[in-house]
Amino acid sequence: MDVKIEQSWKERLSSEWSKPYFEALTARVRAEYAAGEVFPPGSRIFAALDTTPFEAVKVVILGQDPYHDTGQANGLCFSVAPGVAMPPSLVNIFKEVSDDTGAPTPADGDLTRWARQGVLLLNSILTVRAHAAASHRDIGWEQFTDAVIRALAEERSGLVFMLWGSYAIRKGAFIDRNRHLVLESPHPSPLSAYRGFFGNHHFSRANSYLQSHNQTPIRW
């Protein structure tokens, strides 16, 4: 697995490539892809970074790990390719977007349209073995994505971080709340959406914050 990644991110994260954890992670991921079905497709592992360059980021939405059923994961957290049935969490995200902003529910679940506007759709863990949720936990991805978040939190200002669920909230605990807007709520999964994800108004709050910092709002 060669590190083929968008240039601005490749430069920002250059110190990670030679660290022992990343070398071990690379070897493990190569072996996993060689041994069986792993998602997303290898060319899409870094899709979140490739689609949203470092300086283009306005909003960060943090997921946990990719969807693990065939054809679902496309390298952007919560997103699925056109033609793929929307998972329940994504259905709930679109429900909140609609209730919050009035935007209609889209015809498909491909969030590339958000990513191209500056929404970094980052999973904490970037790969998963087929049909085995969280199977690539603790092999090194969390350390790598911590470095991604740290680069944004420390080198940029005026970003919006959306942290949904206790896992994401813990991962983003170090972000300076005086430098960025950090929005926290329960996760959009059916198990927790009614405990505070619905009605969190994160999408309108993000746009208000962006506009107050002279940034173009996101077309959710």
N, C-alpha and C. Protein backbone atom coordinates (compact mmCIF):
# COMPACT_ATOMS: atom_id res chain seq x y z
N MET A 1 0.84 -1.20 0.00
CA MET A 1 0.00 0.00 0.00
C MET A 1 0.88 1.24 0.00
N ASP A 2 1.09 1.81 -1.17
CA ASP A 2 1.82 3.07 -1.24
C ASP A 2 0.94 4.19 -0.71
N VAL A 3 1.59 5.19 -0.10
CA VAL A 3 0.83 6.32 0.44
C VAL A 3 0.54 7.27 -0.71
N LYS A 4 -0.59 7.07 -1.34
CA LYS A 4 -1.04 7.96 -2.42
C LYS A 4 -2.16 8.81 -1.84
N ILE A 5 -1.85 10.06 -1.64
CA ILE A 5 -2.74 10.92 -0.87
C ILE A 5 -2.60 12.34 -1.40
N GLU A 6 -3.67 13.08 -1.33
CA GLU A 6 -3.69 14.47 -1.83
C GLU A 6 -2.50 15.25 -1.27
N GLN A 7 -1.89 16.09 -2.12
CA GLN A 7 -0.58 16.66 -1.82
C GLN A 7 -0.55 17.49 -0.53
N SER A 8 -1.56 18.31 -0.30
CA SER A 8 -1.53 19.17 0.90
C SER A 8 -1.54 18.33 2.17
N TRP A 9 -2.29 17.23 2.16
CA TRP A 9 -2.31 16.34 3.31
C TRP A 9 -1.02 15.53 3.41
N LYS A 10 -0.48 15.14 2.27
CA LYS A 10 0.77 14.39 2.28
C LYS A 10 1.87 15.20 2.95
N GLU A 11 1.89 16.50 2.67
CA GLU A 11 2.89 17.38 3.28
C GLU A 11 2.61 17.58 4.76
N ARG A 12 1.34 17.87 5.11
CA ARG A 12 1.00 18.12 6.52
C ARG A 12 1.29 16.91 7.41
N LEU A 13 1.12 15.72 6.85
CA LEU A 13 1.25 14.49 7.64
C LEU A 13 2.57 13.78 7.39
N SER A 14 3.53 14.46 6.77
CA SER A 14 4.78 13.82 6.36
C SER A 14 5.52 13.17 7.53
N SER A 15 5.37 13.74 8.72
CA SER A 15 6.08 13.19 9.88
C SER A 15 5.52 11.82 10.29
N GLU A 16 4.32 11.49 9.83
CA GLU A 16 3.70 10.22 10.23
C GLU A 16 4.24 9.03 9.44
N TRP A 17 4.63 9.28 8.17
CA TRP A 17 4.90 8.15 7.28
C TRP A 17 6.01 7.22 7.78
N SER A 18 7.03 7.77 8.42
CA SER A 18 8.17 6.96 8.83
C SER A 18 8.07 6.47 10.28
N LYS A 19 6.99 6.81 10.97
CA LYS A 19 6.86 6.35 12.36
C LYS A 19 6.59 4.85 12.40
N PRO A 20 7.12 4.17 13.40
CA PRO A 20 6.93 2.71 13.48
C PRO A 20 5.47 2.28 13.42
N TYR A 21 4.57 3.02 14.06
CA TYR A 21 3.17 2.60 14.06
C TYR A 21 2.61 2.61 12.64
N PHE A 22 3.00 3.62 11.82
CA PHE A 22 2.44 3.72 10.48
C PHE A 22 3.02 2.64 9.57
N GLU A 23 4.29 2.33 9.76
CA GLU A 23 4.88 1.23 8.98
C GLU A 23 4.21 -0.09 9.32
N ALA A 24 3.93 -0.31 10.62
CA ALA A 24 3.24 -1.53 11.03
C ALA A 24 1.80 -1.54 10.50
N LEU A 25 1.14 -0.39 10.54
CA LEU A 25 -0.22 -0.26 10.03
C LEU A 25 -0.27 -0.58 8.54
N THR A 26 0.67 -0.03 7.79
CA THR A 26 0.72 -0.28 6.35
C THR A 26 0.88 -1.76 6.05
N ALA A 27 1.77 -2.42 6.77
CA ALA A 27 1.98 -3.85 6.56
C ALA A 27 0.72 -4.64 6.89
N ARG A 28 0.06 -4.27 7.99
CA ARG A 28 -1.15 -4.99 8.41
C ARG A 28 -2.27 -4.81 7.39
N VAL A 29 -2.46 -3.58 6.93
CA VAL A 29 -3.55 -3.31 5.98
C VAL A 29 -3.29 -4.01 4.66
N ARG A 30 -2.06 -3.99 4.19
CA ARG A 30 -1.72 -4.72 2.95
C ARG A 30 -2.06 -6.20 3.09
N ALA A 31 -1.70 -6.77 4.23
CA ALA A 31 -1.96 -8.19 4.47
C ALA A 31 -3.46 -8.48 4.52
N GLU A 32 -4.22 -7.58 5.12
CA GLU A 32 -5.67 -7.77 5.23
C GLU A 32 -6.32 -7.74 3.85
N TYR A 33 -5.92 -6.77 3.01
CA TYR A 33 -6.50 -6.69 1.66
C TYR A 33 -6.10 -7.91 0.83
N ALA A 34 -4.91 -8.43 1.06
CA ALA A 34 -4.46 -9.61 0.31
C ALA A 34 -5.19 -10.88 0.76
N ALA A 35 -5.61 -10.90 2.02
CA ALA A 35 -6.17 -12.12 2.59
C ALA A 35 -7.67 -12.28 2.35
N GLY A 36 -8.38 -11.18 2.14
CA GLY A 36 -9.83 -11.30 1.99
C GLY A 36 -10.47 -9.96 1.68
N GLU A 37 -11.77 -9.92 1.83
CA GLU A 37 -12.53 -8.72 1.46
C GLU A 37 -12.43 -7.67 2.57
N VAL A 38 -11.99 -6.49 2.19
CA VAL A 38 -11.84 -5.37 3.12
C VAL A 38 -12.46 -4.13 2.47
N PHE A 39 -13.07 -3.29 3.28
CA PHE A 39 -13.70 -2.07 2.77
C PHE A 39 -13.06 -0.84 3.38
N PRO A 40 -13.07 0.31 2.69
CA PRO A 40 -13.52 0.51 1.32
C PRO A 40 -12.52 -0.07 0.32
N PRO A 41 -12.78 0.02 -0.98
CA PRO A 41 -11.76 -0.39 -1.95
C PRO A 41 -10.44 0.34 -1.66
N GLY A 42 -9.34 -0.31 -1.92
CA GLY A 42 -8.04 0.24 -1.57
C GLY A 42 -7.81 1.66 -2.07
N SER A 43 -8.32 1.95 -3.26
CA SER A 43 -8.12 3.29 -3.83
C SER A 43 -8.91 4.36 -3.09
N ARG A 44 -9.84 3.94 -2.22
CA ARG A 44 -10.71 4.89 -1.52
C ARG A 44 -10.36 5.02 -0.03
N ILE A 45 -9.27 4.39 0.41
CA ILE A 45 -8.93 4.45 1.84
C ILE A 45 -8.79 5.90 2.30
N PHE A 46 -8.13 6.72 1.50
CA PHE A 46 -7.89 8.12 1.89
C PHE A 46 -8.83 9.08 1.16
N ALA A 47 -10.01 8.61 0.78
CA ALA A 47 -10.93 9.43 0.00
C ALA A 47 -11.32 10.72 0.72
N ALA A 48 -11.47 10.67 2.03
CA ALA A 48 -11.86 11.88 2.77
C ALA A 48 -10.82 12.98 2.59
N LEU A 49 -9.55 12.61 2.70
CA LEU A 49 -8.47 13.58 2.56
C LEU A 49 -8.31 13.99 1.10
N ASP A 50 -8.45 13.05 0.19
CA ASP A 50 -8.28 13.35 -1.23
C ASP A 50 -9.35 14.31 -1.75
N THR A 51 -10.56 14.20 -1.21
CA THR A 51 -11.67 15.01 -1.71
C THR A 51 -11.69 16.40 -1.08
N THR A 52 -11.13 16.54 0.12
CA THR A 52 -11.16 17.81 0.84
C THR A 52 -9.75 18.19 1.27
N PRO A 53 -9.02 18.94 0.44
CA PRO A 53 -7.65 19.33 0.79
C PRO A 53 -7.60 20.13 2.09
N PHE A 54 -6.41 20.16 2.68
CA PHE A 54 -6.22 20.76 4.01
C PHE A 54 -6.79 22.17 4.11
N GLU A 55 -6.42 23.03 3.18
CA GLU A 55 -6.85 24.43 3.25
C GLU A 55 -8.32 24.62 2.89
N ALA A 56 -8.94 23.61 2.30
CA ALA A 56 -10.35 23.70 1.91
C ALA A 56 -11.30 23.33 3.03
N VAL A 57 -10.79 22.71 4.09
CA VAL A 57 -11.66 22.21 5.17
C VAL A 57 -12.34 23.38 5.90
N LYS A 58 -13.65 23.26 6.05
CA LYS A 58 -14.43 24.21 6.84
C LYS A 58 -15.11 23.51 8.02
N VAL A 59 -15.54 22.28 7.78
CA VAL A 59 -16.29 21.50 8.77
C VAL A 59 -15.67 20.11 8.82
N VAL A 60 -15.59 19.54 10.01
CA VAL A 60 -15.14 18.15 10.18
C VAL A 60 -16.26 17.36 10.82
N ILE A 61 -16.69 16.29 10.16
CA ILE A 61 -17.63 15.34 10.76
C ILE A 61 -16.85 14.06 11.01
N LEU A 62 -16.88 13.60 12.23
CA LEU A 62 -16.06 12.46 12.64
C LEU A 62 -16.90 11.21 12.82
N GLY A 63 -16.57 10.17 12.03
CA GLY A 63 -17.22 8.88 12.18
C GLY A 63 -16.30 7.91 12.91
N GLN A 64 -16.74 6.66 13.01
CA GLN A 64 -15.93 5.66 13.74
C GLN A 64 -15.18 4.75 12.79
N ASP A 65 -15.87 3.82 12.11
CA ASP A 65 -15.18 3.02 11.10
C ASP A 65 -16.11 2.80 9.92
N PRO A 66 -15.59 2.35 8.78
CA PRO A 66 -16.42 2.26 7.57
C PRO A 66 -17.55 1.25 7.72
N TYR A 67 -18.59 1.45 6.91
CA TYR A 67 -19.64 0.42 6.79
C TYR A 67 -18.98 -0.89 6.37
N HIS A 68 -19.49 -2.00 6.90
CA HIS A 68 -18.80 -3.28 6.68
C HIS A 68 -19.56 -4.25 5.80
N ASP A 69 -20.67 -3.80 5.20
CA ASP A 69 -21.39 -4.68 4.27
C ASP A 69 -21.00 -4.35 2.83
N THR A 70 -21.12 -5.30 1.96
CA THR A 70 -20.65 -5.19 0.58
C THR A 70 -21.26 -3.98 -0.13
N GLY A 71 -20.39 -3.20 -0.76
CA GLY A 71 -20.83 -2.09 -1.59
C GLY A 71 -21.18 -0.81 -0.88
N GLN A 72 -21.08 -0.79 0.45
CA GLN A 72 -21.51 0.40 1.18
C GLN A 72 -20.41 1.46 1.31
N ALA A 73 -19.26 1.09 1.88
CA ALA A 73 -18.24 2.09 2.23
C ALA A 73 -17.61 2.71 0.98
N ASN A 74 -17.52 4.04 0.98
CA ASN A 74 -16.85 4.72 -0.14
C ASN A 74 -15.74 5.65 0.33
N GLY A 75 -15.29 5.48 1.58
CA GLY A 75 -14.16 6.25 2.08
C GLY A 75 -14.53 7.56 2.75
N LEU A 76 -15.80 7.94 2.72
CA LEU A 76 -16.28 9.13 3.42
C LEU A 76 -17.22 8.67 4.53
N CYS A 77 -17.02 9.17 5.73
CA CYS A 77 -17.84 8.67 6.85
C CYS A 77 -19.32 8.96 6.60
N PHE A 78 -20.15 8.00 6.95
CA PHE A 78 -21.61 8.02 6.83
C PHE A 78 -22.12 7.96 5.39
N SER A 79 -21.24 8.04 4.40
CA SER A 79 -21.62 8.15 2.99
C SER A 79 -21.69 6.78 2.32
N VAL A 80 -22.58 6.66 1.34
CA VAL A 80 -22.62 5.48 0.48
C VAL A 80 -22.73 5.95 -0.96
N ALA A 81 -22.33 5.09 -1.89
CA ALA A 81 -22.37 5.44 -3.30
C ALA A 81 -23.81 5.54 -3.80
N PRO A 82 -24.02 6.30 -4.87
CA PRO A 82 -25.36 6.35 -5.48
C PRO A 82 -25.85 4.94 -5.82
N GLY A 83 -27.12 4.70 -5.57
CA GLY A 83 -27.69 3.40 -5.85
C GLY A 83 -27.65 2.43 -4.69
N VAL A 84 -26.87 2.77 -3.65
CA VAL A 84 -26.78 1.92 -2.46
C VAL A 84 -27.82 2.42 -1.44
N ALA A 85 -28.55 1.49 -0.84
CA ALA A 85 -29.56 1.87 0.15
C ALA A 85 -28.91 2.64 1.30
N MET A 86 -29.58 3.68 1.74
CA MET A 86 -29.03 4.50 2.82
C MET A 86 -29.11 3.77 4.16
N PRO A 87 -28.00 3.62 4.87
CA PRO A 87 -28.04 3.03 6.21
C PRO A 87 -28.85 3.91 7.16
N PRO A 88 -29.35 3.34 8.26
CA PRO A 88 -30.23 4.08 9.16
C PRO A 88 -29.61 5.37 9.71
N SER A 89 -28.32 5.36 10.06
CA SER A 89 -27.71 6.58 10.59
C SER A 89 -27.75 7.71 9.56
N LEU A 90 -27.52 7.37 8.30
CA LEU A 90 -27.53 8.38 7.25
C LEU A 90 -28.94 8.90 7.02
N VAL A 91 -29.92 8.02 7.08
CA VAL A 91 -31.32 8.46 6.99
C VAL A 91 -31.62 9.48 8.08
N ASN A 92 -31.14 9.22 9.29
CA ASN A 92 -31.38 10.13 10.40
C ASN A 92 -30.63 11.45 10.23
N ILE A 93 -29.43 11.40 9.66
CA ILE A 93 -28.69 12.63 9.39
C ILE A 93 -29.49 13.50 8.42
N PHE A 94 -29.99 12.90 7.36
CA PHE A 94 -30.76 13.69 6.38
C PHE A 94 -32.06 14.21 6.98
N LYS A 95 -32.64 13.45 7.90
CA LYS A 95 -33.87 13.93 8.57
C LYS A 95 -33.56 15.19 9.37
N GLU A 96 -32.45 15.19 10.10
CA GLU A 96 -32.08 16.36 10.89
C GLU A 96 -31.72 17.54 9.98
N VAL A 97 -31.00 17.27 8.89
CA VAL A 97 -30.70 18.34 7.94
C VAL A 97 -31.98 18.99 7.44
N SER A 98 -32.95 18.16 7.07
CA SER A 98 -34.21 18.68 6.54
C SER A 98 -34.98 19.46 7.60
N ASP A 99 -35.07 18.90 8.80
CA ASP A 99 -35.79 19.59 9.88
C ASP A 99 -35.10 20.89 10.27
N ASP A 100 -33.77 20.89 10.21
CA ASP A 100 -32.97 22.02 10.68
C ASP A 100 -32.88 23.13 9.64
N THR A 101 -32.71 22.76 8.37
CA THR A 101 -32.42 23.76 7.35
C THR A 101 -33.49 23.88 6.27
N GLY A 102 -34.40 22.90 6.23
CA GLY A 102 -35.41 22.90 5.17
C GLY A 102 -34.95 22.25 3.89
N ALA A 103 -33.71 21.79 3.84
CA ALA A 103 -33.20 21.14 2.63
C ALA A 103 -33.95 19.84 2.38
N PRO A 104 -34.30 19.54 1.14
CA PRO A 104 -35.00 18.28 0.86
C PRO A 104 -34.08 17.08 1.04
N THR A 105 -34.66 15.93 1.33
CA THR A 105 -33.88 14.70 1.41
C THR A 105 -33.36 14.35 0.03
N PRO A 106 -32.05 14.13 -0.11
CA PRO A 106 -31.50 13.86 -1.44
C PRO A 106 -31.89 12.48 -1.95
N ALA A 107 -31.67 12.30 -3.24
CA ALA A 107 -32.04 11.04 -3.89
C ALA A 107 -31.08 9.91 -3.56
N ASP A 108 -29.86 10.24 -3.14
CA ASP A 108 -28.89 9.20 -2.82
C ASP A 108 -28.07 9.63 -1.60
N GLY A 109 -27.27 8.68 -1.11
CA GLY A 109 -26.51 8.92 0.12
C GLY A 109 -25.05 9.26 -0.10
N ASP A 110 -24.70 9.68 -1.30
CA ASP A 110 -23.31 10.03 -1.60
C ASP A 110 -23.01 11.43 -1.08
N LEU A 111 -22.17 11.52 -0.06
CA LEU A 111 -21.86 12.81 0.57
C LEU A 111 -20.66 13.51 -0.08
N THR A 112 -20.24 13.02 -1.25
CA THR A 112 -19.15 13.70 -1.96
C THR A 112 -19.49 15.16 -2.18
N ARG A 113 -20.76 15.47 -2.38
CA ARG A 113 -21.18 16.87 -2.59
C ARG A 113 -20.88 17.73 -1.38
N TRP A 114 -20.94 17.17 -0.18
CA TRP A 114 -20.53 17.91 1.02
C TRP A 114 -19.02 18.05 1.06
N ALA A 115 -18.31 16.95 0.77
CA ALA A 115 -16.85 16.94 0.87
C ALA A 115 -16.25 17.99 -0.06
N ARG A 116 -16.84 18.16 -1.24
CA ARG A 116 -16.30 19.12 -2.20
C ARG A 116 -16.55 20.57 -1.78
N GLN A 117 -17.43 20.76 -0.81
CA GLN A 117 -17.67 22.10 -0.28
C GLN A 117 -16.82 22.41 0.96
N GLY A 118 -16.02 21.44 1.40
CA GLY A 118 -15.17 21.69 2.55
C GLY A 118 -15.54 20.94 3.80
N VAL A 119 -16.37 19.90 3.66
CA VAL A 119 -16.74 19.08 4.82
C VAL A 119 -15.85 17.83 4.81
N LEU A 120 -14.93 17.75 5.77
CA LEU A 120 -14.06 16.58 5.88
C LEU A 120 -14.83 15.48 6.59
N LEU A 121 -15.10 14.41 5.86
CA LEU A 121 -15.91 13.30 6.37
C LEU A 121 -14.96 12.17 6.77
N LEU A 122 -14.45 12.28 7.99
CA LEU A 122 -13.32 11.46 8.43
C LEU A 122 -13.75 10.37 9.40
N ASN A 123 -13.52 9.13 9.03
CA ASN A 123 -13.65 8.05 10.01
C ASN A 123 -12.39 7.98 10.86
N SER A 124 -12.54 7.58 12.12
CA SER A 124 -11.39 7.40 12.99
C SER A 124 -10.54 6.21 12.53
N ILE A 125 -11.22 5.18 12.04
CA ILE A 125 -10.59 3.96 11.52
C ILE A 125 -10.93 3.91 10.04
N LEU A 126 -9.93 3.75 9.17
CA LEU A 126 -10.17 3.94 7.74
C LEU A 126 -10.45 2.67 6.96
N THR A 127 -10.33 1.52 7.58
CA THR A 127 -10.61 0.26 6.89
C THR A 127 -11.35 -0.69 7.83
N VAL A 128 -11.99 -1.70 7.24
CA VAL A 128 -12.72 -2.69 8.03
C VAL A 128 -12.81 -3.99 7.24
N ARG A 129 -12.69 -5.12 7.94
CA ARG A 129 -12.87 -6.42 7.29
C ARG A 129 -14.35 -6.63 7.00
N ALA A 130 -14.67 -7.23 5.87
CA ALA A 130 -16.06 -7.43 5.46
C ALA A 130 -16.86 -8.10 6.56
N HIS A 131 -18.01 -7.53 6.86
CA HIS A 131 -19.00 -8.10 7.79
C HIS A 131 -18.47 -8.25 9.21
N ALA A 132 -17.47 -7.44 9.56
CA ALA A 132 -16.90 -7.53 10.92
C ALA A 132 -16.64 -6.12 11.44
N ALA A 133 -17.66 -5.53 12.02
CA ALA A 133 -17.56 -4.15 12.50
C ALA A 133 -16.39 -3.99 13.46
N ALA A 134 -15.68 -2.88 13.32
CA ALA A 134 -14.57 -2.51 14.21
C ALA A 134 -13.43 -3.53 14.19
N SER A 135 -13.33 -4.33 13.12
CA SER A 135 -12.29 -5.36 13.05
C SER A 135 -10.89 -4.78 12.89
N HIS A 136 -10.77 -3.52 12.48
CA HIS A 136 -9.46 -2.89 12.35
C HIS A 136 -9.24 -1.82 13.43
N ARG A 137 -9.94 -1.99 14.53
CA ARG A 137 -9.70 -1.13 15.69
C ARG A 137 -8.32 -1.46 16.28
N ASP A 138 -7.63 -0.42 16.73
CA ASP A 138 -6.37 -0.56 17.45
C ASP A 138 -5.23 -1.17 16.63
N ILE A 139 -5.26 -0.97 15.32
CA ILE A 139 -4.11 -1.40 14.51
C ILE A 139 -3.28 -0.20 14.07
N GLY A 140 -3.69 1.01 14.47
CA GLY A 140 -2.90 2.19 14.15
C GLY A 140 -3.66 3.33 13.51
N TRP A 141 -4.84 3.04 12.97
CA TRP A 141 -5.58 4.11 12.30
C TRP A 141 -5.95 5.25 13.24
N GLU A 142 -6.28 4.92 14.48
CA GLU A 142 -6.69 5.97 15.41
C GLU A 142 -5.58 6.99 15.63
N GLN A 143 -4.34 6.52 15.71
CA GLN A 143 -3.21 7.43 15.87
C GLN A 143 -3.04 8.31 14.64
N PHE A 144 -3.23 7.73 13.47
CA PHE A 144 -3.11 8.49 12.23
C PHE A 144 -4.19 9.57 12.15
N THR A 145 -5.44 9.20 12.43
CA THR A 145 -6.51 10.20 12.31
C THR A 145 -6.46 11.23 13.44
N ASP A 146 -5.87 10.87 14.59
CA ASP A 146 -5.59 11.89 15.61
C ASP A 146 -4.65 12.95 15.04
N ALA A 147 -3.67 12.52 14.25
CA ALA A 147 -2.72 13.46 13.65
C ALA A 147 -3.43 14.37 12.64
N VAL A 148 -4.39 13.82 11.91
CA VAL A 148 -5.18 14.63 10.98
C VAL A 148 -5.94 15.72 11.74
N ILE A 149 -6.63 15.32 12.81
CA ILE A 149 -7.42 16.28 13.57
C ILE A 149 -6.52 17.31 14.24
N ARG A 150 -5.39 16.85 14.75
CA ARG A 150 -4.47 17.78 15.43
C ARG A 150 -3.93 18.82 14.46
N ALA A 151 -3.60 18.41 13.25
CA ALA A 151 -3.10 19.35 12.25
C ALA A 151 -4.14 20.44 11.97
N LEU A 152 -5.38 20.04 11.83
CA LEU A 152 -6.45 21.02 11.59
C LEU A 152 -6.66 21.91 12.80
N ALA A 153 -6.73 21.30 13.98
CA ALA A 153 -7.03 22.05 15.20
C ALA A 153 -5.95 23.07 15.53
N GLU A 154 -4.68 22.73 15.21
CA GLU A 154 -3.57 23.59 15.61
C GLU A 154 -3.13 24.56 14.51
N GLU A 155 -3.30 24.17 13.25
CA GLU A 155 -2.81 25.02 12.15
C GLU A 155 -3.90 25.88 11.52
N ARG A 156 -5.14 25.52 11.73
CA ARG A 156 -6.26 26.30 11.19
C ARG A 156 -7.02 26.95 12.35
N SER A 157 -7.92 27.86 12.03
CA SER A 157 -8.81 28.43 13.04
C SER A 157 -10.18 28.65 12.39
N GLY A 158 -11.21 28.76 13.21
CA GLY A 158 -12.54 29.01 12.70
C GLY A 158 -13.19 27.83 12.00
N LEU A 159 -12.79 26.61 12.38
CA LEU A 159 -13.41 25.42 11.83
C LEU A 159 -14.58 24.97 12.71
N VAL A 160 -15.45 24.17 12.13
CA VAL A 160 -16.55 23.55 12.87
C VAL A 160 -16.27 22.05 12.97
N PHE A 161 -16.28 21.52 14.18
CA PHE A 161 -16.13 20.09 14.40
C PHE A 161 -17.45 19.53 14.91
N MET A 162 -18.02 18.57 14.21
CA MET A 162 -19.25 17.90 14.65
C MET A 162 -18.88 16.54 15.23
N LEU A 163 -19.12 16.39 16.51
CA LEU A 163 -18.75 15.17 17.24
C LEU A 163 -20.04 14.51 17.72
N TRP A 164 -20.38 13.39 17.11
CA TRP A 164 -21.63 12.70 17.40
C TRP A 164 -21.35 11.39 18.11
N GLY A 165 -21.80 11.28 19.34
CA GLY A 165 -21.60 10.07 20.12
C GLY A 165 -20.36 10.14 20.98
N SER A 166 -20.32 9.31 22.00
CA SER A 166 -19.25 9.39 23.01
C SER A 166 -17.88 9.11 22.41
N TYR A 167 -17.81 8.22 21.42
CA TYR A 167 -16.52 7.90 20.80
C TYR A 167 -15.92 9.15 20.15
N ALA A 168 -16.70 9.83 19.32
CA ALA A 168 -16.21 11.03 18.64
C ALA A 168 -15.92 12.14 19.63
N ILE A 169 -16.75 12.28 20.64
CA ILE A 169 -16.55 13.33 21.64
C ILE A 169 -15.23 13.13 22.37
N ARG A 170 -14.93 11.89 22.72
CA ARG A 170 -13.64 11.61 23.38
C ARG A 170 -12.47 11.92 22.44
N LYS A 171 -12.61 11.54 21.18
CA LYS A 171 -11.51 11.74 20.23
C LYS A 171 -11.24 13.22 19.99
N GLY A 172 -12.26 14.05 20.08
CA GLY A 172 -12.08 15.47 19.83
C GLY A 172 -11.92 16.31 21.09
N ALA A 173 -11.68 15.65 22.22
CA ALA A 173 -11.65 16.38 23.50
C ALA A 173 -10.56 17.44 23.56
N PHE A 174 -9.47 17.24 22.80
CA PHE A 174 -8.33 18.17 22.90
C PHE A 174 -8.49 19.43 22.05
N ILE A 175 -9.52 19.50 21.22
CA ILE A 175 -9.68 20.64 20.31
C ILE A 175 -9.97 21.91 21.11
N ASP A 176 -9.27 22.99 20.78
CA ASP A 176 -9.41 24.27 21.48
C ASP A 176 -10.76 24.90 21.12
N ARG A 177 -11.64 24.97 22.12
CA ARG A 177 -12.98 25.53 21.89
C ARG A 177 -12.96 27.04 21.69
N ASN A 178 -11.88 27.70 22.04
CA ASN A 178 -11.77 29.13 21.79
C ASN A 178 -11.34 29.44 20.36
N ARG A 179 -10.80 28.43 19.69
CA ARG A 179 -10.27 28.60 18.33
C ARG A 179 -11.23 28.07 17.27
N HIS A 180 -12.08 27.12 17.67
CA HIS A 180 -13.00 26.45 16.75
C HIS A 180 -14.36 26.29 17.42
N LEU A 181 -15.39 26.05 16.60
CA LEU A 181 -16.71 25.69 17.11
C LEU A 181 -16.79 24.17 17.19
N VAL A 182 -17.01 23.64 18.38
CA VAL A 182 -17.13 22.20 18.57
C VAL A 182 -18.56 21.89 18.97
N LEU A 183 -19.26 21.16 18.12
CA LEU A 183 -20.65 20.80 18.34
C LEU A 183 -20.73 19.32 18.73
N GLU A 184 -21.37 19.03 19.85
CA GLU A 184 -21.45 17.67 20.36
C GLU A 184 -22.92 17.27 20.53
N SER A 185 -23.21 16.01 20.24
CA SER A 185 -24.55 15.48 20.48
C SER A 185 -24.49 13.96 20.48
N PRO A 186 -25.57 13.28 20.84
CA PRO A 186 -25.62 11.84 20.64
C PRO A 186 -25.45 11.47 19.17
N HIS A 187 -25.17 10.21 18.93
CA HIS A 187 -24.93 9.67 17.59
C HIS A 187 -26.25 9.57 16.82
N PRO A 188 -26.21 9.68 15.48
CA PRO A 188 -27.45 9.57 14.70
C PRO A 188 -27.97 8.15 14.51
N SER A 189 -27.37 7.15 15.12
CA SER A 189 -27.87 5.79 14.97
C SER A 189 -29.27 5.67 15.56
N PRO A 190 -30.06 4.71 15.09
CA PRO A 190 -31.41 4.54 15.63
C PRO A 190 -31.44 4.34 17.14
N LEU A 191 -30.35 3.83 17.71
CA LEU A 191 -30.31 3.60 19.16
C LEU A 191 -30.25 4.89 19.96
N SER A 192 -29.73 5.95 19.36
CA SER A 192 -29.49 7.16 20.15
C SER A 192 -30.00 8.45 19.54
N ALA A 193 -30.47 8.40 18.30
CA ALA A 193 -30.85 9.65 17.62
C ALA A 193 -31.91 10.43 18.39
N TYR A 194 -32.84 9.71 19.02
CA TYR A 194 -33.92 10.39 19.73
C TYR A 194 -33.49 10.89 21.10
N ARG A 195 -32.24 10.64 21.47
CA ARG A 195 -31.74 11.13 22.76
C ARG A 195 -31.04 12.48 22.64
N GLY A 196 -31.14 13.10 21.46
CA GLY A 196 -30.54 14.42 21.33
C GLY A 196 -29.88 14.71 20.01
N PHE A 197 -29.75 13.69 19.13
CA PHE A 197 -29.25 14.04 17.80
C PHE A 197 -30.31 14.82 17.05
N PHE A 198 -31.53 14.30 17.05
CA PHE A 198 -32.62 15.06 16.44
C PHE A 198 -32.83 16.34 17.25
N GLY A 199 -32.85 17.44 16.52
CA GLY A 199 -33.02 18.73 17.18
C GLY A 199 -31.73 19.38 17.62
N ASN A 200 -30.58 18.81 17.25
CA ASN A 200 -29.31 19.43 17.68
C ASN A 200 -28.96 20.68 16.87
N HIS A 201 -29.59 20.85 15.71
CA HIS A 201 -29.39 22.05 14.87
C HIS A 201 -27.92 22.26 14.50
N HIS A 202 -27.16 21.19 14.38
CA HIS A 202 -25.75 21.35 14.07
C HIS A 202 -25.51 21.97 12.70
N PHE A 203 -26.38 21.68 11.75
CA PHE A 203 -26.13 22.12 10.38
C PHE A 203 -26.37 23.63 10.23
N SER A 204 -27.43 24.12 10.84
CA SER A 204 -27.66 25.57 10.79
C SER A 204 -26.67 26.31 11.68
N ARG A 205 -26.30 25.71 12.80
CA ARG A 205 -25.32 26.35 13.68
C ARG A 205 -23.96 26.44 13.00
N ALA A 206 -23.59 25.40 12.27
CA ALA A 206 -22.34 25.42 11.53
C ALA A 206 -22.34 26.54 10.50
N ASN A 207 -23.42 26.66 9.75
CA ASN A 207 -23.47 27.69 8.72
C ASN A 207 -23.47 29.09 9.32
N SER A 208 -24.15 29.29 10.43
CA SER A 208 -24.13 30.60 11.09
C SER A 208 -22.71 30.97 11.50
N TYR A 209 -22.00 29.99 12.04
CA TYR A 209 -20.61 30.22 12.47
C TYR A 209 -19.72 30.52 11.27
N LEU A 210 -19.86 29.75 10.20
CA LEU A 210 -19.05 29.99 9.01
C LEU A 210 -19.29 31.39 8.45
N GLN A 211 -20.56 31.78 8.38
CA GLN A 211 -20.88 33.10 7.86
C GLN A 211 -20.31 34.21 8.75
N SER A 212 -20.32 33.97 10.07
CA SER A 212 -19.77 34.97 10.98
C SER A 212 -18.25 35.08 10.84
N HIS A 213 -17.63 34.07 10.24
CA HIS A 213 -16.20 34.10 9.98
C HIS A 213 -15.90 34.33 8.49
N ASN A 214 -16.88 34.94 7.80
CA ASN A 214 -16.70 35.32 6.39
C ASN A 214 -16.43 34.12 5.48
N GLN A 215 -17.06 32.99 5.82
CA GLN A 215 -16.93 31.78 4.99
C GLN A 215 -18.27 31.49 4.32
N THR A 216 -18.23 30.92 3.13
CA THR A 216 -19.45 30.53 2.44
C THR A 216 -20.09 29.36 3.19
N PRO A 217 -21.40 29.43 3.48
CA PRO A 217 -22.04 28.32 4.17
C PRO A 217 -22.10 27.07 3.31
N ILE A 218 -22.33 25.93 3.94
CA ILE A 218 -22.44 24.66 3.25
C ILE A 218 -23.86 24.48 2.73
N ARG A 219 -24.00 24.01 1.51
CA ARG A 219 -25.33 23.64 0.97
C ARG A 219 -25.60 22.20 1.41
N TRP A 220 -26.23 22.08 2.54
CA TRP A 220 -26.51 20.75 3.08
C TRP A 220 -27.60 20.04 2.25
